[in-house]
Protein backbone atom coordinates (compact mmCIF):
# COMPACT_ATOMS: atom_id res chain seq x y z
CA UNK A 1 -9.45 -38.06 -75.96
CA UNK A 2 -7.14 -39.02 -73.20
CA UNK A 3 -5.36 -35.93 -73.82
CA UNK A 4 -8.70 -34.10 -73.31
CA UNK A 5 -9.50 -36.05 -70.21
CA UNK A 6 -6.06 -35.40 -68.76
CA UNK A 7 -6.35 -31.62 -69.50
CA UNK A 8 -9.74 -31.63 -67.96
CA UNK A 9 -8.25 -33.26 -64.80
CA UNK A 10 -5.68 -30.82 -64.68
CA UNK A 11 -7.70 -28.03 -64.97
CA UNK A 12 -9.80 -29.72 -61.99
CA UNK A 13 -6.80 -29.96 -60.18
CA UNK A 14 -5.77 -26.35 -60.67
CA UNK A 15 -9.10 -24.99 -59.71
CA UNK A 16 -9.09 -27.14 -56.51
CA UNK A 17 -5.74 -26.37 -55.57
CA UNK A 18 -6.46 -22.50 -56.40
CA UNK A 19 -9.63 -22.65 -54.30
CA UNK A 20 -7.51 -24.44 -51.61
CA UNK A 21 -5.02 -21.90 -51.73
CA UNK A 22 -7.53 -19.18 -51.46
CA UNK A 23 -9.11 -20.67 -48.56
CA UNK A 24 -5.73 -21.19 -46.89
CA UNK A 25 -4.79 -17.43 -47.58
CA UNK A 26 -8.17 -16.40 -45.99
CA UNK A 27 -7.43 -18.41 -43.09
CA UNK A 28 -3.91 -17.01 -42.68
CA UNK A 29 -5.43 -13.45 -42.91
CA UNK A 30 -8.17 -14.29 -40.15
CA UNK A 31 -5.32 -15.48 -37.97
CA UNK A 32 -3.27 -12.78 -38.50
CA UNK A 33 -6.30 -10.46 -37.56
CA UNK A 34 -6.93 -12.34 -34.45
CA UNK A 35 -3.31 -12.66 -33.31
CA UNK A 36 -3.16 -8.99 -33.74
CA UNK A 37 -6.15 -8.29 -31.75
CA UNK A 38 -5.01 -10.42 -28.85
CA UNK A 39 -1.60 -8.51 -28.80
CA UNK A 40 -3.47 -5.08 -28.52
CA UNK A 41 -5.88 -6.60 -25.94
CA UNK A 42 -2.87 -7.84 -23.83
CA UNK A 43 -0.93 -4.37 -24.30
CA UNK A 44 -4.21 -2.24 -23.23
CA UNK A 45 -4.43 -4.75 -20.30
CA UNK A 46 -0.76 -4.11 -19.06
CA UNK A 47 -1.37 -0.16 -19.68
CA UNK A 48 -4.63 -0.26 -17.84
CA UNK A 49 -2.92 -2.16 -14.62
CA UNK A 50 0.34 0.30 -14.98
CA UNK A 51 -1.92 3.35 -14.92
CA UNK A 52 -4.10 1.94 -11.88
CA UNK A 53 -0.79 0.80 -10.13
CA UNK A 54 0.51 4.39 -10.56
CA UNK A 55 -2.56 6.23 -9.20
CA UNK A 56 -2.76 3.66 -6.29
CA UNK A 57 0.95 4.73 -5.47
CA UNK A 58 0.23 8.47 -5.54
CA UNK A 59 -3.00 7.86 -3.20
CA UNK A 60 -0.72 5.77 -0.78
CA UNK A 61 1.99 8.52 -0.67
CA UNK A 62 -0.66 11.04 -0.03
CA UNK A 63 -2.52 8.71 2.69
CA UNK A 64 0.98 7.96 4.28
CA UNK A 65 1.69 11.84 4.72
CA UNK A 66 -1.78 12.51 6.11
CA UNK A 67 -1.41 9.38 8.59
CA UNK A 68 2.13 10.92 9.61
CA UNK A 69 0.56 14.43 10.11
CA UNK A 70 -2.41 12.88 12.26
CA UNK A 71 0.34 10.81 14.28
CA UNK A 72 2.20 13.78 15.06
CA UNK A 73 -0.91 15.72 16.10
CA UNK A 74 -2.18 12.90 18.21
CA UNK A 75 1.25 12.73 19.69
CA UNK A 76 1.12 16.56 20.58
CA UNK A 77 -2.10 16.23 22.07
CA UNK A 78 -1.49 13.15 23.88
CA UNK A 79 1.59 14.28 25.25
CA UNK A 80 -0.31 17.21 26.91
CA UNK A 81 -2.81 14.78 28.53
CA UNK A 82 0.19 12.52 29.91
CA UNK A 83 1.70 15.49 31.61
CA UNK A 84 -1.66 16.31 33.27
CA UNK A 85 -1.61 12.56 34.29
CA UNK A 86 1.86 13.00 35.60
CA UNK A 87 0.92 16.04 37.64
CA UNK A 88 -1.84 14.15 39.03
CA UNK A 89 0.54 11.45 40.33
CA UNK A 90 2.72 14.07 41.67
CA UNK A 91 -0.23 15.92 43.71
CA UNK A 92 -1.04 12.47 45.04
CA UNK A 93 2.48 12.14 46.25
CA UNK A 94 2.37 15.48 47.79
CA UNK A 95 -0.37 14.43 49.66
CA UNK A 96 2.06 11.77 51.29
CA UNK A 97 0.56 8.80 49.37
CA UNK A 98 3.22 6.21 49.27
CA UNK A 99 4.51 5.50 45.47
CA UNK A 100 3.05 1.81 45.83
CA UNK A 101 -0.41 3.10 46.88
CA UNK A 102 -0.41 5.45 43.86
CA UNK A 103 0.83 2.74 41.79
CA UNK A 104 -1.77 0.32 42.91
CA UNK A 105 -4.57 2.64 42.86
CA UNK A 106 -3.81 4.12 39.47
CA UNK A 107 -2.87 0.84 37.74
CA UNK A 108 0.85 2.26 36.54
CA UNK A 109 3.99 0.83 37.05
CA UNK A 110 5.87 1.64 40.15
CA UNK A 111 8.87 2.60 38.39
CA UNK A 112 6.79 5.47 36.42
CA UNK A 113 5.74 6.98 39.65
CA UNK A 114 8.99 6.79 41.30
CA UNK A 115 10.34 8.88 38.23
CA UNK A 116 8.06 11.57 38.98
CA UNK A 117 8.62 11.43 42.51
CA UNK A 118 12.44 11.71 42.01
CA UNK A 119 12.26 15.33 40.54
CA UNK A 120 9.97 16.48 43.21
CA UNK A 121 12.39 15.29 45.89
CA UNK A 122 15.75 17.03 44.46
CA UNK A 123 16.90 19.28 46.72
CA UNK A 124 16.25 22.96 45.73
CA UNK A 125 19.47 25.01 45.23
CA UNK A 126 19.94 28.04 47.43
CA UNK A 127 21.39 30.70 45.50
CA UNK A 128 24.87 31.63 46.62
CA UNK A 129 25.08 34.90 48.45
CA UNK A 130 28.97 35.49 48.56
């Protein structure tokens, strides 16, 4: 009888250990799937960030090109207006306004008015007749 009890106990032990091993194996498979899901999701997130970053870089490059072109265009237009403003200063000087009065009236630096005045006061060259 002791032998039968021992055999029954051994079978119960083996059954319990088999169930425990099967449960451990199922748990390990579930963990393996979860870990694979994690790494897949992390990789996809990195790919999404990289794609967005690359797209943003292209957009920035196009924007920088457009900004540069706009600045060149604005500078050309502004240069024309500045030339007209300088001509107005020259005409005020031609009316015998003092450089100080012109600078004060227009709110521009006196040095700028004098820079415009100098070319106007340069002596005109008389061609040689020899």
